[in-house]
């Protein structure tokens, strides 16, 4: 099964839909993003029940590894040194063994793409739906979008501990 469906004709916004050029503030845009809101919620909920759609920014793996992935160029170069062992951090990233990131080796001829689970945005549902035809790139197939959704949920639901050394 391919990871994405580039020939989808309906261009309906569902979980796993990849969009391009969503405005986030002023002239800044997310070059690529993937819808993470549940398809049934988007489809069935009225605007007052689900006013927003959540998306995860997708970054070119080259730009991400170099630290040029954020819209304001404030990203940090990806440190490949793994002090805990187990191979390089880039290898762990590309094999989806880094808890914080999700990696797609290829999506619709865009090349490798990285998702950082610490970064997510919401957009008004009616705005995204009205621009779907212009911003639609592809849709990730169900098996892969379920994997993405589960990994994102697991990341957000992790237990955070306070830093004991903090004064």
N, C-alpha and C. Protein backbone atom coordinates (compact mmCIF):
# COMPACT_ATOMS: atom_id res chain seq x y z
N UNK A 1 0.85 -1.18 0.00
CA UNK A 1 0.00 0.00 0.00
C UNK A 1 0.90 1.24 0.00
N UNK A 2 0.68 2.16 -0.93
CA UNK A 2 1.47 3.39 -0.92
C UNK A 2 1.10 4.24 0.30
N UNK A 3 2.03 5.09 0.73
CA UNK A 3 1.81 5.90 1.92
C UNK A 3 0.82 7.02 1.69
N UNK A 4 0.62 7.39 0.46
CA UNK A 4 -0.28 8.50 0.17
C UNK A 4 -1.04 8.22 -1.10
N UNK A 5 -2.08 8.99 -1.31
CA UNK A 5 -2.96 8.82 -2.47
C UNK A 5 -2.92 10.12 -3.26
N UNK A 6 -2.00 10.20 -4.24
CA UNK A 6 -1.86 11.46 -4.97
C UNK A 6 -2.93 11.66 -6.04
N UNK A 7 -3.73 10.65 -6.28
CA UNK A 7 -4.73 10.76 -7.35
C UNK A 7 -6.15 10.88 -6.79
N UNK A 8 -6.25 11.22 -5.54
CA UNK A 8 -7.57 11.37 -4.93
C UNK A 8 -8.29 12.52 -5.61
N UNK A 9 -9.46 12.27 -6.11
CA UNK A 9 -10.15 13.28 -6.90
C UNK A 9 -11.03 14.21 -6.07
N UNK A 10 -11.53 13.74 -4.95
CA UNK A 10 -12.51 14.53 -4.21
C UNK A 10 -11.90 15.72 -3.47
N UNK A 11 -10.65 15.61 -3.07
CA UNK A 11 -9.97 16.67 -2.32
C UNK A 11 -10.75 17.05 -1.07
N UNK A 12 -11.40 16.08 -0.46
CA UNK A 12 -12.11 16.30 0.80
C UNK A 12 -11.08 16.35 1.91
N UNK A 13 -11.25 17.29 2.84
CA UNK A 13 -10.32 17.40 3.96
C UNK A 13 -10.67 16.33 5.00
N UNK A 14 -9.72 15.45 5.26
CA UNK A 14 -9.87 14.40 6.26
C UNK A 14 -8.58 14.33 7.08
N UNK A 15 -8.59 13.50 8.10
CA UNK A 15 -7.33 13.27 8.81
C UNK A 15 -6.34 12.70 7.80
N UNK A 16 -5.14 13.23 7.79
CA UNK A 16 -4.12 12.75 6.86
C UNK A 16 -4.02 13.57 5.59
N UNK A 17 -4.88 14.57 5.42
CA UNK A 17 -4.79 15.43 4.24
C UNK A 17 -3.56 16.33 4.38
N UNK A 18 -2.74 16.36 3.35
CA UNK A 18 -1.56 17.22 3.32
C UNK A 18 -1.95 18.50 2.56
N UNK A 19 -1.70 19.64 3.21
CA UNK A 19 -2.03 20.95 2.64
C UNK A 19 -0.76 21.76 2.46
N UNK A 20 -0.81 22.74 1.59
CA UNK A 20 0.34 23.62 1.40
C UNK A 20 -0.07 25.08 1.64
N UNK A 21 0.91 25.87 2.06
CA UNK A 21 0.78 27.33 2.18
C UNK A 21 -0.38 27.81 3.05
N UNK A 22 -0.48 27.27 4.27
CA UNK A 22 -1.46 27.79 5.22
C UNK A 22 -0.84 28.99 5.95
N UNK A 23 -1.55 30.11 5.98
CA UNK A 23 -1.05 31.31 6.68
C UNK A 23 -1.14 31.11 8.18
N UNK A 24 -0.04 31.40 8.89
CA UNK A 24 -0.07 31.27 10.34
C UNK A 24 -0.02 32.61 11.06
N UNK A 25 0.68 33.57 10.53
CA UNK A 25 0.65 34.92 11.09
C UNK A 25 1.27 35.88 10.08
N UNK A 26 0.57 36.94 9.83
CA UNK A 26 1.07 37.92 8.86
C UNK A 26 1.40 37.28 7.53
N UNK A 27 2.65 37.44 7.10
CA UNK A 27 3.09 36.87 5.83
C UNK A 27 3.69 35.48 5.98
N UNK A 28 3.71 34.93 7.19
CA UNK A 28 4.31 33.62 7.43
C UNK A 28 3.33 32.51 7.06
N UNK A 29 3.87 31.47 6.46
CA UNK A 29 3.04 30.34 6.05
C UNK A 29 3.70 29.03 6.45
N UNK A 30 2.86 28.01 6.62
CA UNK A 30 3.36 26.65 6.75
C UNK A 30 3.45 26.11 5.32
N UNK A 31 4.65 25.83 4.86
CA UNK A 31 4.77 25.34 3.49
C UNK A 31 3.96 24.07 3.29
N UNK A 32 4.08 23.15 4.24
CA UNK A 32 3.28 21.91 4.18
C UNK A 32 2.82 21.57 5.58
N UNK A 33 1.63 20.99 5.67
CA UNK A 33 1.10 20.54 6.95
C UNK A 33 0.15 19.39 6.69
N UNK A 34 -0.11 18.63 7.75
CA UNK A 34 -1.02 17.49 7.65
C UNK A 34 -2.12 17.66 8.69
N UNK A 35 -3.36 17.40 8.27
CA UNK A 35 -4.51 17.50 9.17
C UNK A 35 -4.46 16.32 10.14
N UNK A 36 -4.57 16.61 11.44
CA UNK A 36 -4.55 15.56 12.45
C UNK A 36 -5.90 15.39 13.14
N UNK A 37 -6.82 16.34 12.95
CA UNK A 37 -8.18 16.20 13.50
C UNK A 37 -8.83 14.96 12.91
N UNK A 38 -9.70 14.33 13.68
CA UNK A 38 -10.37 13.11 13.23
C UNK A 38 -11.31 13.41 12.05
N UNK A 39 -11.29 12.52 11.07
CA UNK A 39 -12.13 12.69 9.87
C UNK A 39 -13.61 12.78 10.21
N UNK A 40 -14.07 11.92 11.12
CA UNK A 40 -15.50 11.93 11.46
C UNK A 40 -15.91 13.24 12.11
N UNK A 41 -15.02 13.83 12.90
CA UNK A 41 -15.32 15.13 13.51
C UNK A 41 -15.42 16.23 12.46
N UNK A 42 -14.50 16.21 11.51
CA UNK A 42 -14.51 17.23 10.45
C UNK A 42 -15.77 17.09 9.61
N UNK A 43 -16.12 15.86 9.30
CA UNK A 43 -17.24 15.59 8.42
C UNK A 43 -18.61 15.83 9.08
N UNK A 44 -18.76 15.42 10.32
CA UNK A 44 -20.07 15.41 10.95
C UNK A 44 -20.36 16.60 11.84
N UNK A 45 -19.35 17.20 12.41
CA UNK A 45 -19.57 18.27 13.40
C UNK A 45 -19.93 19.59 12.73
N UNK A 46 -20.84 20.29 13.35
CA UNK A 46 -21.18 21.63 12.90
C UNK A 46 -20.08 22.57 13.36
N UNK A 47 -20.01 23.75 12.78
CA UNK A 47 -18.94 24.71 13.10
C UNK A 47 -18.88 25.05 14.59
N UNK A 48 -20.04 25.12 15.25
CA UNK A 48 -20.02 25.46 16.67
C UNK A 48 -19.56 24.28 17.53
N UNK A 49 -19.63 23.05 16.99
CA UNK A 49 -19.17 21.87 17.73
C UNK A 49 -17.67 21.63 17.51
N UNK A 50 -17.19 21.93 16.34
CA UNK A 50 -15.77 21.78 16.00
C UNK A 50 -15.36 23.02 15.21
N UNK A 51 -15.03 24.10 15.91
CA UNK A 51 -14.72 25.34 15.20
C UNK A 51 -13.36 25.34 14.52
N UNK A 52 -12.46 24.45 14.93
CA UNK A 52 -11.09 24.46 14.40
C UNK A 52 -10.64 23.09 13.94
N UNK A 53 -9.69 23.11 13.04
CA UNK A 53 -9.03 21.90 12.55
C UNK A 53 -7.57 21.98 12.97
N UNK A 54 -7.06 20.90 13.57
CA UNK A 54 -5.66 20.88 14.01
C UNK A 54 -4.79 20.31 12.91
N UNK A 55 -3.64 20.98 12.70
CA UNK A 55 -2.67 20.51 11.72
C UNK A 55 -1.28 20.44 12.34
N UNK A 56 -0.46 19.58 11.80
CA UNK A 56 0.94 19.45 12.20
C UNK A 56 1.80 19.93 11.03
N UNK A 57 2.71 20.86 11.28
CA UNK A 57 3.60 21.31 10.20
C UNK A 57 4.50 20.16 9.74
N UNK A 58 4.78 20.13 8.46
CA UNK A 58 5.69 19.14 7.87
C UNK A 58 6.87 19.92 7.29
N UNK A 59 8.07 19.48 7.64
CA UNK A 59 9.27 20.16 7.19
C UNK A 59 10.09 19.25 6.29
N UNK A 60 10.68 19.81 5.28
CA UNK A 60 11.63 19.07 4.45
C UNK A 60 12.72 18.52 5.36
N UNK A 61 13.09 17.25 5.18
CA UNK A 61 14.11 16.69 6.07
C UNK A 61 15.44 17.42 5.94
N UNK A 62 15.77 17.88 4.75
CA UNK A 62 17.02 18.63 4.55
C UNK A 62 17.00 19.93 5.34
N UNK A 63 15.92 20.70 5.21
CA UNK A 63 15.80 21.96 5.94
C UNK A 63 15.76 21.70 7.45
N UNK A 64 15.08 20.66 7.86
CA UNK A 64 14.98 20.33 9.27
C UNK A 64 16.36 19.99 9.86
N UNK A 65 17.10 19.14 9.19
CA UNK A 65 18.42 18.74 9.70
C UNK A 65 19.39 19.91 9.74
N UNK A 66 19.23 20.86 8.83
CA UNK A 66 20.10 22.04 8.81
C UNK A 66 19.62 23.15 9.75
N UNK A 67 18.40 23.03 10.27
CA UNK A 67 17.87 24.05 11.17
C UNK A 67 17.19 25.20 10.46
N UNK A 68 16.88 25.03 9.18
CA UNK A 68 16.24 26.09 8.38
C UNK A 68 14.75 25.82 8.16
N UNK A 69 14.12 25.08 9.04
CA UNK A 69 12.76 24.63 8.80
C UNK A 69 11.68 25.55 9.35
N UNK A 70 11.98 26.38 10.31
CA UNK A 70 10.95 27.24 10.87
C UNK A 70 10.75 28.48 10.01
N UNK A 71 9.53 28.98 9.98
CA UNK A 71 9.20 30.11 9.11
C UNK A 71 10.01 31.36 9.44
N UNK A 72 10.50 31.47 10.67
CA UNK A 72 11.29 32.64 11.04
C UNK A 72 12.79 32.31 11.10
N UNK A 73 13.16 31.14 10.57
CA UNK A 73 14.54 30.66 10.54
C UNK A 73 15.19 30.63 11.93
N UNK A 74 14.39 30.33 12.94
CA UNK A 74 14.93 30.22 14.29
C UNK A 74 15.10 28.77 14.71
N UNK A 75 15.10 27.86 13.79
CA UNK A 75 15.31 26.46 14.12
C UNK A 75 16.77 26.20 14.47
N UNK A 76 17.01 25.10 15.14
CA UNK A 76 18.38 24.71 15.46
C UNK A 76 18.78 23.54 14.59
N UNK A 77 20.06 23.51 14.24
CA UNK A 77 20.59 22.40 13.46
C UNK A 77 20.39 21.13 14.28
N UNK A 78 19.96 20.08 13.62
CA UNK A 78 19.69 18.81 14.29
C UNK A 78 21.02 18.19 14.71
N UNK A 79 21.20 18.00 16.01
CA UNK A 79 22.42 17.43 16.57
C UNK A 79 22.41 15.92 16.35
N UNK A 80 23.34 15.43 15.54
CA UNK A 80 23.36 14.01 15.19
C UNK A 80 24.07 13.14 16.22
N UNK A 81 24.72 13.74 17.19
CA UNK A 81 25.44 12.96 18.20
C UNK A 81 24.46 12.37 19.20
N UNK A 82 24.48 11.07 19.32
CA UNK A 82 23.62 10.37 20.25
C UNK A 82 24.45 9.93 21.45
N UNK A 83 24.40 10.70 22.50
CA UNK A 83 25.21 10.42 23.68
C UNK A 83 24.74 9.17 24.42
N UNK A 84 23.52 8.73 24.17
CA UNK A 84 22.99 7.55 24.85
C UNK A 84 23.27 6.27 24.07
N UNK A 85 23.89 6.37 22.93
CA UNK A 85 24.16 5.18 22.12
C UNK A 85 22.97 4.82 21.25
N UNK A 86 23.10 3.75 20.50
CA UNK A 86 21.99 3.27 19.68
C UNK A 86 21.97 3.84 18.28
N UNK A 87 23.07 4.39 17.79
CA UNK A 87 23.12 4.91 16.44
C UNK A 87 22.97 6.41 16.40
N UNK A 88 23.08 6.97 15.21
CA UNK A 88 22.98 8.42 15.06
C UNK A 88 21.53 8.87 15.26
N UNK A 89 21.37 10.11 15.70
CA UNK A 89 20.03 10.66 15.90
C UNK A 89 19.27 10.75 14.57
N UNK A 90 20.00 11.04 13.50
CA UNK A 90 19.35 11.11 12.18
C UNK A 90 18.80 9.75 11.79
N UNK A 91 19.56 8.71 12.05
CA UNK A 91 19.09 7.34 11.74
C UNK A 91 17.86 7.01 12.58
N UNK A 92 17.89 7.37 13.86
CA UNK A 92 16.73 7.13 14.72
C UNK A 92 15.52 7.92 14.24
N UNK A 93 15.75 9.17 13.81
CA UNK A 93 14.67 10.00 13.28
C UNK A 93 14.05 9.35 12.04
N UNK A 94 14.89 8.96 11.11
CA UNK A 94 14.40 8.42 9.84
C UNK A 94 13.78 7.03 9.97
N UNK A 95 14.01 6.36 11.09
CA UNK A 95 13.37 5.06 11.32
C UNK A 95 12.21 5.19 12.32
N UNK A 96 11.79 6.42 12.59
CA UNK A 96 10.69 6.72 13.51
C UNK A 96 10.89 6.12 14.90
N UNK A 97 12.12 6.15 15.36
CA UNK A 97 12.43 5.66 16.70
C UNK A 97 12.68 6.82 17.67
N UNK A 98 12.52 8.04 17.21
CA UNK A 98 12.61 9.21 18.08
C UNK A 98 11.18 9.60 18.43
N UNK A 99 10.86 9.55 19.69
CA UNK A 99 9.51 9.75 20.21
C UNK A 99 8.89 11.08 19.80
N UNK A 100 9.71 12.11 19.66
CA UNK A 100 9.21 13.46 19.41
C UNK A 100 8.88 13.74 17.94
N UNK A 101 9.43 12.97 17.02
CA UNK A 101 9.30 13.28 15.59
C UNK A 101 8.67 12.12 14.82
N UNK A 102 8.05 12.49 13.71
CA UNK A 102 7.55 11.48 12.77
C UNK A 102 8.19 11.77 11.41
N UNK A 103 8.63 10.73 10.76
CA UNK A 103 9.35 10.89 9.49
C UNK A 103 8.62 10.14 8.38
N UNK A 104 8.42 10.81 7.25
CA UNK A 104 7.93 10.18 6.03
C UNK A 104 9.06 10.23 5.01
N UNK A 105 9.45 9.08 4.50
CA UNK A 105 10.57 9.04 3.57
C UNK A 105 10.23 9.69 2.23
N UNK A 106 8.97 9.68 1.87
CA UNK A 106 8.55 10.28 0.59
C UNK A 106 7.06 10.53 0.64
N UNK A 107 6.68 11.73 0.30
CA UNK A 107 5.26 12.06 0.17
C UNK A 107 5.08 12.85 -1.11
N UNK A 108 4.40 12.26 -2.06
CA UNK A 108 3.95 12.96 -3.26
C UNK A 108 5.08 13.75 -3.93
N UNK A 109 6.23 13.13 -4.10
CA UNK A 109 7.40 13.74 -4.74
C UNK A 109 7.93 14.97 -4.01
N UNK A 110 7.64 15.09 -2.73
CA UNK A 110 8.17 16.20 -1.94
C UNK A 110 9.48 15.82 -1.26
N UNK A 111 9.83 14.56 -1.31
CA UNK A 111 11.02 14.08 -0.61
C UNK A 111 10.68 13.75 0.83
N UNK A 112 11.71 13.53 1.65
CA UNK A 112 11.51 13.20 3.05
C UNK A 112 10.92 14.38 3.80
N UNK A 113 9.99 14.10 4.70
CA UNK A 113 9.34 15.15 5.49
C UNK A 113 9.36 14.76 6.97
N UNK A 114 9.57 15.77 7.82
CA UNK A 114 9.64 15.57 9.26
C UNK A 114 8.51 16.34 9.94
N UNK A 115 7.89 15.70 10.93
CA UNK A 115 6.89 16.35 11.76
C UNK A 115 7.45 16.39 13.18
N UNK A 116 7.42 17.57 13.78
CA UNK A 116 7.85 17.76 15.17
C UNK A 116 6.59 17.87 16.01
N UNK A 117 6.35 16.89 16.88
CA UNK A 117 5.11 16.85 17.65
C UNK A 117 4.97 18.00 18.65
N UNK A 118 6.03 18.76 18.88
CA UNK A 118 5.92 19.92 19.76
C UNK A 118 5.27 21.10 19.06
N UNK A 119 5.11 21.01 17.76
CA UNK A 119 4.55 22.12 16.99
C UNK A 119 3.24 21.68 16.34
N UNK A 120 2.17 22.37 16.67
CA UNK A 120 0.88 22.11 16.05
C UNK A 120 0.06 23.39 16.07
N UNK A 121 -0.84 23.50 15.13
CA UNK A 121 -1.64 24.72 14.97
C UNK A 121 -3.10 24.34 14.76
N UNK A 122 -3.98 25.28 15.05
CA UNK A 122 -5.38 25.11 14.70
C UNK A 122 -5.79 26.24 13.78
N UNK A 123 -6.67 25.92 12.87
CA UNK A 123 -7.21 26.88 11.91
C UNK A 123 -8.72 26.78 11.92
N UNK A 124 -9.39 27.87 11.67
CA UNK A 124 -10.86 27.84 11.59
C UNK A 124 -11.28 26.82 10.54
N UNK A 125 -12.18 25.97 10.93
CA UNK A 125 -12.64 24.89 10.05
C UNK A 125 -13.18 25.43 8.73
N UNK A 126 -14.03 26.45 8.79
CA UNK A 126 -14.63 26.97 7.56
C UNK A 126 -13.59 27.58 6.63
N UNK A 127 -12.50 28.15 7.18
CA UNK A 127 -11.44 28.73 6.35
C UNK A 127 -10.69 27.62 5.61
N UNK A 128 -10.32 26.56 6.34
CA UNK A 128 -9.59 25.45 5.72
C UNK A 128 -10.45 24.78 4.66
N UNK A 129 -11.70 24.52 4.97
CA UNK A 129 -12.58 23.84 4.01
C UNK A 129 -12.82 24.69 2.76
N UNK A 130 -12.90 26.00 2.93
CA UNK A 130 -13.13 26.87 1.77
C UNK A 130 -11.90 26.94 0.85
N UNK A 131 -10.72 26.66 1.38
CA UNK A 131 -9.49 26.74 0.58
C UNK A 131 -8.96 25.36 0.16
N UNK A 132 -9.73 24.33 0.42
CA UNK A 132 -9.25 22.96 0.21
C UNK A 132 -8.75 22.70 -1.20
N UNK A 133 -9.46 23.16 -2.20
CA UNK A 133 -9.05 22.88 -3.58
C UNK A 133 -7.71 23.51 -3.92
N UNK A 134 -7.47 24.71 -3.42
CA UNK A 134 -6.22 25.42 -3.72
C UNK A 134 -5.03 24.91 -2.91
N UNK A 135 -5.28 24.41 -1.71
CA UNK A 135 -4.19 24.04 -0.80
C UNK A 135 -3.94 22.54 -0.71
N UNK A 136 -4.80 21.75 -1.33
CA UNK A 136 -4.70 20.29 -1.26
C UNK A 136 -3.47 19.77 -2.01
N UNK A 137 -2.72 18.86 -1.36
CA UNK A 137 -1.58 18.21 -2.01
C UNK A 137 -1.87 16.73 -2.21
N UNK A 138 -2.21 16.03 -1.14
CA UNK A 138 -2.46 14.59 -1.18
C UNK A 138 -3.12 14.19 0.12
N UNK A 139 -3.43 12.92 0.25
CA UNK A 139 -3.95 12.38 1.50
C UNK A 139 -3.16 11.13 1.86
N UNK A 140 -2.70 11.08 3.09
CA UNK A 140 -1.96 9.92 3.59
C UNK A 140 -2.95 8.78 3.77
N UNK A 141 -2.59 7.60 3.32
CA UNK A 141 -3.48 6.45 3.42
C UNK A 141 -3.73 6.04 4.87
N UNK A 142 -4.89 5.40 5.12
CA UNK A 142 -5.34 5.13 6.50
C UNK A 142 -4.32 4.46 7.43
N UNK A 143 -3.62 3.47 6.98
CA UNK A 143 -2.67 2.77 7.84
C UNK A 143 -1.59 3.73 8.35
N UNK A 144 -1.08 4.58 7.48
CA UNK A 144 -0.01 5.50 7.84
C UNK A 144 -0.51 6.69 8.65
N UNK A 145 -1.72 7.16 8.35
CA UNK A 145 -2.24 8.27 9.15
C UNK A 145 -2.64 7.80 10.54
N UNK A 146 -3.06 6.54 10.66
CA UNK A 146 -3.35 5.99 11.99
C UNK A 146 -2.07 5.90 12.82
N UNK A 147 -0.98 5.49 12.19
CA UNK A 147 0.31 5.45 12.86
C UNK A 147 0.72 6.85 13.32
N UNK A 148 0.58 7.82 12.44
CA UNK A 148 0.90 9.21 12.77
C UNK A 148 0.03 9.70 13.94
N UNK A 149 -1.26 9.45 13.87
CA UNK A 149 -2.19 9.89 14.91
C UNK A 149 -1.84 9.27 16.26
N UNK A 150 -1.57 7.97 16.27
CA UNK A 150 -1.22 7.29 17.52
C UNK A 150 0.08 7.82 18.10
N UNK A 151 1.06 8.04 17.27
CA UNK A 151 2.34 8.55 17.76
C UNK A 151 2.19 9.97 18.31
N UNK A 152 1.39 10.80 17.64
CA UNK A 152 1.14 12.17 18.12
C UNK A 152 0.43 12.12 19.47
N UNK A 153 -0.62 11.31 19.58
CA UNK A 153 -1.36 11.19 20.85
C UNK A 153 -0.46 10.68 21.96
N UNK A 154 0.36 9.70 21.66
CA UNK A 154 1.28 9.17 22.67
C UNK A 154 2.27 10.23 23.12
N UNK A 155 2.73 11.05 22.20
CA UNK A 155 3.67 12.10 22.57
C UNK A 155 2.99 13.12 23.50
N UNK A 156 1.77 13.54 23.13
CA UNK A 156 1.07 14.53 23.95
C UNK A 156 0.66 13.99 25.31
N UNK A 157 0.44 12.68 25.41
CA UNK A 157 -0.04 12.11 26.67
C UNK A 157 1.09 11.61 27.57
N UNK A 158 2.32 11.86 27.19
CA UNK A 158 3.44 11.40 28.01
C UNK A 158 3.41 12.09 29.37
N UNK A 159 4.01 11.46 30.32
CA UNK A 159 4.08 12.02 31.67
C UNK A 159 5.32 12.89 31.75
N UNK A 160 5.14 14.14 32.10
CA UNK A 160 6.27 15.06 32.25
C UNK A 160 6.65 15.20 33.71
N UNK A 161 7.92 15.15 33.97
CA UNK A 161 8.42 15.31 35.33
C UNK A 161 9.11 16.64 35.46
N UNK A 162 8.95 17.26 36.62
CA UNK A 162 9.65 18.51 36.88
C UNK A 162 11.13 18.26 36.99
N UNK A 163 11.91 19.26 36.64
CA UNK A 163 13.35 19.17 36.74
C UNK A 163 13.74 19.32 38.22
N UNK A 164 14.28 18.26 38.80
CA UNK A 164 14.64 18.26 40.22
C UNK A 164 15.76 19.24 40.54
N UNK A 165 16.62 19.53 39.56
CA UNK A 165 17.78 20.39 39.78
C UNK A 165 17.44 21.87 39.71
N UNK A 166 16.21 22.17 39.40
CA UNK A 166 15.77 23.56 39.24
C UNK A 166 15.75 24.25 40.60
N UNK A 167 16.30 25.44 40.68
CA UNK A 167 16.33 26.16 41.95
C UNK A 167 15.29 27.22 42.03
